[in-house]
């Protein structure tokens, strides 16, 4: 393959990953972003490699591996901190969403930085997710800007007919949670519609099948006490401290018995994603990164990031120590 073909392949995979994410197909998005990343790195295409790294960070964020996603996002921003490119802009937004859910002060600054660029672009589809992220931040913090929510309602009306039911559903959900919607709009994705229509269990089941843990937790938080406690556990595993605290207070207000706030670091291994569990099991078989990549149809660079995340979550300084700790905690599972 010459560099020109590699360039086109990486771009095509980047586009495929973005379409898959808009359709909430995480499996395809993961594979496409990882292949785009590996192709760009192999053929020394630094700009495309950075784009693919940003895509992969976003995929990992959606899968619930927030620590690795934050690390990759920081690498992207360190490489081009002042860039106004779409890649850098949406990396600031995605980092801001994670920070918002964790309750970090810098979250709003990163969200606003992204919104200022997206709003100027007037690309409605891209503006929608930024608007949803800012609306969610208002819900988390309780700092509601009514002028802005009014603008976001108008934006929702404008984009509702463009066909992307998922991003419009996300914006509609957060506006609904702020009591900023007079009625539930038509043309939004099914799990969002189900939550707003009072069937959070069905919505949570859809999110579970799609592999979106945070969205599943939000759906469960609208269910009965048992479902809310399950949501609380998911949120604490993810590290969504600010959101977990809101749910914990809601449970107390209902008179429910609420467990103490869990220290995420107290139990190493908690929070491994499904993919990380697969990688861990293959580490236990003594496979190299290249062998694991072949086994799981991933790139070696992707496997490298997963191995680093596994070692971090197990507080291990080596691959062997990670396997040893996993064995002690019965975390190993067979990989078909």
Protein backbone atom coordinates (compact mmCIF):
# COMPACT_ATOMS: atom_id res chain seq x y z
CA UNK A 1 0.00 0.00 0.00
CA UNK A 2 1.37 3.42 -0.88
CA UNK A 3 0.98 6.42 1.38
CA UNK A 4 -1.82 7.84 -0.74
CA UNK A 5 -3.89 4.69 -0.38
CA UNK A 6 -3.10 4.54 3.34
CA UNK A 7 -4.29 8.13 3.66
CA UNK A 8 -7.59 7.28 2.00
CA UNK A 9 -8.01 4.09 4.02
CA UNK A 10 -7.45 5.90 7.31
CA UNK A 11 -9.88 8.64 6.33
CA UNK A 12 -12.50 6.11 5.26
CA UNK A 13 -12.17 4.24 8.56
CA UNK A 14 -12.39 7.55 10.44
CA UNK A 15 -15.62 8.36 8.62
CA UNK A 16 -16.97 4.87 9.28
CA UNK A 17 -16.21 5.22 13.00
CA UNK A 18 -18.05 8.53 13.15
CA UNK A 19 -21.11 7.19 11.33
CA UNK A 20 -21.13 4.15 13.63
CA UNK A 21 -21.01 6.42 16.68
CA UNK A 22 -23.93 8.48 15.38
CA UNK A 23 -25.86 5.21 15.02
CA UNK A 24 -24.66 4.08 18.47
CA UNK A 25 -22.94 1.01 17.01
CA UNK A 26 -20.03 0.80 19.42
CA UNK A 27 -18.59 -2.48 18.11
CA UNK A 28 -18.18 -1.12 14.58
CA UNK A 29 -16.97 2.24 15.89
CA UNK A 30 -14.33 0.55 18.05
CA UNK A 31 -13.01 -1.59 15.20
CA UNK A 32 -13.00 1.27 12.68
CA UNK A 33 -11.32 3.79 14.97
CA UNK A 34 -8.68 1.28 16.03
CA UNK A 35 -7.88 0.34 12.42
CA UNK A 36 -7.75 3.99 11.39
CA UNK A 37 -5.33 4.67 14.24
CA UNK A 38 -3.07 1.76 13.32
CA UNK A 39 -3.04 2.57 9.60
CA UNK A 40 -2.14 6.21 10.18
CA UNK A 41 0.61 5.28 12.64
CA UNK A 42 2.06 2.59 10.38
CA UNK A 43 2.35 4.91 7.37
CA UNK A 44 3.44 7.99 9.34
CA UNK A 45 0.35 10.13 8.82
CA UNK A 46 0.50 12.21 12.03
CA UNK A 47 -2.61 14.34 11.47
CA UNK A 48 -4.76 11.32 10.69
CA UNK A 49 -3.22 9.42 13.59
CA UNK A 50 -4.27 12.24 15.90
CA UNK A 51 -7.80 12.22 14.45
CA UNK A 52 -8.04 8.47 14.95
CA UNK A 53 -6.74 8.78 18.52
CA UNK A 54 -9.48 11.33 19.24
CA UNK A 55 -12.07 8.95 17.76
CA UNK A 56 -10.77 6.05 19.80
CA UNK A 57 -10.83 8.12 22.98
CA UNK A 58 -14.48 8.91 22.32
CA UNK A 59 -15.31 5.24 21.71
CA UNK A 60 -13.66 4.24 24.98
CA UNK A 61 -15.53 7.02 26.77
CA UNK A 62 -18.85 5.69 25.47
CA UNK A 63 -17.85 2.14 26.46
CA UNK A 64 -17.23 3.33 30.00
CA UNK A 65 -13.43 3.28 30.08
CA UNK A 66 -13.16 6.89 31.13
CA UNK A 67 -9.63 6.76 32.53
CA UNK A 68 -8.09 5.55 29.27
CA UNK A 69 -10.30 7.93 27.28
CA UNK A 70 -9.10 10.88 29.37
CA UNK A 71 -5.49 9.85 28.85
CA UNK A 72 -5.86 9.63 25.08
CA UNK A 73 -7.80 12.89 24.93
CA UNK A 74 -5.05 14.64 26.87
CA UNK A 75 -2.48 13.29 24.39
CA UNK A 76 -4.52 14.74 21.51
CA UNK A 77 -4.75 18.14 23.18
CA UNK A 78 -1.08 18.15 24.17
CA UNK A 79 -0.20 17.64 20.51
CA UNK A 80 -2.29 20.58 19.26
CA UNK A 81 -3.55 22.66 22.20
CA UNK A 82 -4.42 25.79 20.21
CA UNK A 83 -5.91 24.10 17.17
CA UNK A 84 -9.44 25.06 16.12
CA UNK A 85 -9.89 21.83 14.16
CA UNK A 86 -13.02 19.77 14.60
CA UNK A 87 -10.93 16.97 16.11
CA UNK A 88 -9.47 19.19 18.83
CA UNK A 89 -12.78 20.90 19.47
CA UNK A 90 -14.76 17.75 20.04
CA UNK A 91 -11.95 16.35 22.18
CA UNK A 92 -12.35 19.33 24.52
CA UNK A 93 -16.09 18.61 24.61
CA UNK A 94 -15.70 14.90 25.34
CA UNK A 95 -13.16 15.62 28.06
CA UNK A 96 -15.55 18.20 29.50
CA UNK A 97 -18.38 15.67 29.64
CA UNK A 98 -16.27 13.20 31.61
CA UNK A 99 -15.09 15.97 33.94
CA UNK A 100 -18.65 17.18 34.41
CA UNK A 101 -19.87 13.74 35.45
CA UNK A 102 -16.93 13.43 37.82
CA UNK A 103 -17.65 16.86 39.31
CA UNK A 104 -14.42 18.56 38.21
CA UNK A 105 -14.34 22.36 38.11
CA UNK A 106 -12.66 22.62 34.70
CA UNK A 107 -15.54 20.83 32.98
CA UNK A 108 -17.52 23.91 32.03
CA UNK A 109 -14.50 25.64 30.51
CA UNK A 110 -13.86 22.69 28.19
CA UNK A 111 -17.54 22.43 27.26
CA UNK A 112 -17.74 26.15 26.53
CA UNK A 113 -14.57 26.04 24.45
CA UNK A 114 -16.12 23.39 22.24
CA UNK A 115 -19.51 25.10 22.05
CA UNK A 116 -18.02 28.43 20.97
CA UNK A 117 -16.50 26.77 17.91
CA UNK A 118 -19.48 24.54 17.10
CA UNK A 119 -22.00 27.37 17.48
CA UNK A 120 -19.99 29.54 15.10
CA UNK A 121 -19.85 26.74 12.53
CA UNK A 122 -23.66 26.52 12.38
CA UNK A 123 -23.38 22.78 11.68
CA UNK A 124 -26.62 21.78 13.40
CA UNK A 125 -25.82 18.10 13.81
CA UNK A 126 -22.52 18.86 15.54
CA UNK A 127 -24.09 21.59 17.65
CA UNK A 128 -26.71 19.17 18.97
CA UNK A 129 -24.37 16.99 21.02
CA UNK A 130 -22.55 20.03 22.41
CA UNK A 131 -25.92 21.47 23.43
CA UNK A 132 -26.82 18.16 25.09
CA UNK A 133 -23.50 18.15 26.96
CA UNK A 134 -24.04 21.68 28.28
CA UNK A 135 -27.63 20.86 29.25
CA UNK A 136 -26.45 17.78 31.14
CA UNK A 137 -23.87 19.95 32.91
CA UNK A 138 -26.66 22.32 34.00
CA UNK A 139 -28.60 19.36 35.37
CA UNK A 140 -25.57 18.03 37.24
CA UNK A 141 -24.59 21.38 38.77
CA UNK A 142 -28.07 22.88 39.18
CA UNK A 143 -26.81 26.06 37.48
CA UNK A 144 -29.51 26.55 34.84
CA UNK A 145 -29.24 29.29 32.21
CA UNK A 146 -32.83 29.77 31.02
CA UNK A 147 -31.82 31.86 28.01
CA UNK A 148 -29.54 29.09 26.86
CA UNK A 149 -32.08 26.32 27.43
CA UNK A 150 -34.59 28.33 25.40
CA UNK A 151 -32.03 28.49 22.59
CA UNK A 152 -31.42 24.75 22.89
CA UNK A 153 -35.17 24.07 22.61
CA UNK A 154 -35.21 26.01 19.34
CA UNK A 155 -32.13 24.06 18.19
CA UNK A 156 -33.92 20.81 18.98
CA UNK A 157 -36.88 21.90 16.85
CA UNK A 158 -34.50 22.70 13.98
CA UNK A 159 -32.64 19.37 14.04
CA UNK A 160 -35.47 17.00 14.93
CA UNK A 161 -36.25 16.37 11.27
CA UNK A 162 -32.68 15.86 10.06
CA UNK A 163 -32.73 12.14 10.80
CA UNK A 164 -30.20 11.73 13.62
CA UNK A 165 -32.61 10.44 16.24
CA UNK A 166 -29.84 9.59 18.71
CA UNK A 167 -28.22 13.00 19.21
CA UNK A 168 -31.61 14.75 19.18
CA UNK A 169 -32.84 12.20 21.70
CA UNK A 170 -29.89 12.96 23.96
CA UNK A 171 -30.59 16.69 23.88
CA UNK A 172 -34.31 16.10 24.41
CA UNK A 173 -33.63 13.86 27.41
CA UNK A 174 -31.50 16.40 29.25
CA UNK A 175 -33.94 19.22 28.51
CA UNK A 176 -36.71 16.96 29.81
CA UNK A 177 -34.74 16.24 32.99
CA UNK A 178 -34.48 20.00 33.51
CA UNK A 179 -38.26 20.32 33.03
CA UNK A 180 -37.58 22.42 29.95
CA UNK A 181 -39.79 20.48 27.50
CA UNK A 182 -43.51 21.11 27.28
CA UNK A 183 -44.06 17.78 25.51
CA UNK A 184 -42.05 14.76 24.42
CA UNK A 185 -40.94 15.27 20.81
CA UNK A 186 -41.44 12.77 18.03
CA UNK A 187 -38.48 11.50 16.04
CA UNK A 188 -36.07 10.70 18.88
CA UNK A 189 -34.29 7.41 19.57
CA UNK A 190 -36.27 4.68 21.29
CA UNK A 191 -34.42 4.44 24.63
CA UNK A 192 -34.72 8.19 25.20
CA UNK A 193 -38.40 8.08 24.31
CA UNK A 194 -38.98 5.11 26.64
CA UNK A 195 -37.45 6.91 29.63
CA UNK A 196 -39.60 9.98 29.05
CA UNK A 197 -42.70 7.84 28.57
CA UNK A 198 -42.14 6.03 31.88
CA UNK A 199 -40.54 2.72 30.84
CA UNK A 200 -36.95 3.08 32.04
CA UNK A 201 -36.44 -0.69 32.39
CA UNK A 202 -36.97 -1.20 28.65
CA UNK A 203 -34.66 1.72 27.91
CA UNK A 204 -31.96 0.29 30.20
CA UNK A 205 -32.21 -3.06 28.43
CA UNK A 206 -31.58 -1.40 25.06
CA UNK A 207 -28.56 0.50 26.40
CA UNK A 208 -27.17 -2.70 27.92
CA UNK A 209 -27.38 -4.48 24.56
CA UNK A 210 -25.70 -1.53 22.85
CA UNK A 211 -22.91 -1.44 25.46
CA UNK A 212 -23.48 2.04 26.93
CA UNK A 213 -23.12 1.79 30.74
CA UNK A 214 -23.66 5.47 31.63
CA UNK A 215 -26.81 5.78 29.54
CA UNK A 216 -28.07 2.55 31.08
CA UNK A 217 -27.47 3.97 34.56
CA UNK A 218 -29.38 7.15 33.72
CA UNK A 219 -32.32 5.06 32.49
CA UNK A 220 -32.24 2.88 35.62
CA UNK A 221 -32.16 6.00 37.82
CA UNK A 222 -35.76 6.63 36.72
CA UNK A 223 -36.92 3.20 37.90
CA UNK A 224 -37.84 1.76 41.30
CA UNK A 225 -35.50 1.74 44.29
CA UNK A 226 -33.81 -1.50 43.26
CA UNK A 227 -33.10 -0.08 39.80
CA UNK A 228 -31.85 3.17 41.28
CA UNK A 229 -29.43 1.33 43.54
CA UNK A 230 -28.15 -0.61 40.52
CA UNK A 231 -27.71 2.71 38.72
CA UNK A 232 -25.78 4.06 41.70
CA UNK A 233 -23.39 1.12 41.55
CA UNK A 234 -22.78 1.64 37.81
CA UNK A 235 -22.17 5.35 38.27
CA UNK A 236 -19.67 4.78 41.06
CA UNK A 237 -17.87 2.11 39.03
CA UNK A 238 -17.56 4.56 36.14
CA UNK A 239 -16.33 7.30 38.45
CA UNK A 240 -19.34 9.54 37.79
CA UNK A 241 -19.11 10.97 41.29
CA UNK A 242 -21.21 14.10 40.76
CA UNK A 243 -24.06 12.16 39.15
CA UNK A 244 -23.88 9.41 41.78
CA UNK A 245 -24.15 12.03 44.52
CA UNK A 246 -27.31 13.46 42.94
CA UNK A 247 -28.86 9.99 42.80
CA UNK A 248 -27.79 9.21 46.34
CA UNK A 249 -29.53 12.36 47.58
CA UNK A 250 -32.67 11.50 45.61
CA UNK A 251 -32.74 8.06 47.23
CA UNK A 252 -32.37 9.60 50.68
CA UNK A 253 -35.21 12.00 49.91
CA UNK A 254 -37.36 8.96 49.11
CA UNK A 255 -36.49 7.44 52.48
CA UNK A 256 -34.40 4.64 50.98
CA UNK A 257 -31.44 3.07 52.73
CA UNK A 258 -28.41 4.22 50.76
CA UNK A 259 -24.97 2.58 50.91
CA UNK A 260 -22.01 4.74 51.74
CA UNK A 261 -20.15 6.40 48.92
CA UNK A 262 -17.85 3.79 47.44
CA UNK A 263 -14.16 4.44 47.01
CA UNK A 264 -13.48 3.39 43.45
CA UNK A 265 -9.86 2.58 44.31
CA UNK A 266 -10.62 0.32 47.24
CA UNK A 267 -11.14 -2.78 45.10
CA UNK A 268 -8.59 -3.13 42.31
CA UNK A 269 -10.05 -4.59 39.13
CA UNK A 270 -13.46 -3.02 39.60
CA UNK A 271 -14.42 -1.14 36.47
CA UNK A 272 -12.70 -3.28 33.84
CA UNK A 273 -14.56 -3.04 30.56
CA UNK A 274 -15.53 -6.19 28.64
CA UNK A 275 -12.67 -5.62 26.21
CA UNK A 276 -10.17 -5.10 29.03
CA UNK A 277 -11.35 -8.36 30.64
CA UNK A 278 -10.67 -10.14 27.34
CA UNK A 279 -7.20 -8.62 27.11
CA UNK A 280 -6.49 -9.56 30.73
CA UNK A 281 -7.44 -13.18 30.11
CA UNK A 282 -5.14 -13.34 27.09
CA UNK A 283 -2.33 -11.82 29.13
CA UNK A 284 -2.84 -14.74 31.51
CA UNK A 285 -2.23 -17.08 28.55
CA UNK A 286 1.14 -15.42 28.04
CA UNK A 287 0.26 -13.78 24.73
CA UNK A 288 2.17 -10.77 23.42
CA UNK A 289 0.42 -7.57 22.31
CA UNK A 290 0.76 -8.69 18.70
CA UNK A 291 -0.74 -12.10 19.48
CA UNK A 292 -3.61 -10.50 21.40
CA UNK A 293 -4.22 -8.13 18.51
CA UNK A 294 -4.47 -11.06 16.09
CA UNK A 295 -6.76 -12.97 18.44
CA UNK A 296 -9.16 -10.05 18.99
CA UNK A 297 -8.86 -8.52 15.49
CA UNK A 298 -7.44 -5.30 16.93
CA UNK A 299 -4.31 -3.31 16.19
CA UNK A 300 -1.22 -3.80 18.40
CA UNK A 301 -1.38 -0.07 19.26
CA UNK A 302 -4.96 -0.51 20.47
CA UNK A 303 -3.98 -3.52 22.56
CA UNK A 304 -1.13 -1.50 24.06
CA UNK A 305 -3.64 1.06 25.38
CA UNK A 306 -5.88 -1.68 26.77
CA UNK A 307 -2.97 -3.37 28.55
CA UNK A 308 -1.93 -0.05 30.10
CA UNK A 309 -5.50 0.52 31.31
CA UNK A 310 -5.70 -2.98 32.81
CA UNK A 311 -2.43 -2.50 34.69
CA UNK A 312 -3.59 0.89 35.96
CA UNK A 313 -6.94 -0.40 37.22
CA UNK A 314 -5.29 -3.38 38.92
CA UNK A 315 -2.57 -1.11 40.37
CA UNK A 316 0.02 -3.41 38.84
CA UNK A 317 3.52 -2.44 37.72
CA UNK A 318 3.89 -5.29 35.22
CA UNK A 319 1.84 -7.64 33.07
CA UNK A 320 2.71 -10.57 35.32
CA UNK A 321 1.62 -8.67 38.42
CA UNK A 322 -1.67 -7.77 36.72
CA UNK A 323 -2.33 -11.45 35.99
CA UNK A 324 -1.37 -12.41 39.55
CA UNK A 325 -3.77 -9.86 41.07
CA UNK A 326 -6.52 -10.85 38.65
CA UNK A 327 -6.11 -14.50 39.63
CA UNK A 328 -6.35 -13.63 43.32
CA UNK A 329 -9.59 -11.72 42.68
CA UNK A 330 -11.07 -14.32 40.29
CA UNK A 331 -11.28 -11.75 37.48
CA UNK A 332 -10.08 -14.02 34.69
CA UNK A 333 -12.61 -15.22 32.12
CA UNK A 334 -12.21 -17.49 29.11
CA UNK A 335 -11.93 -15.89 25.67
CA UNK A 336 -13.48 -17.87 22.82
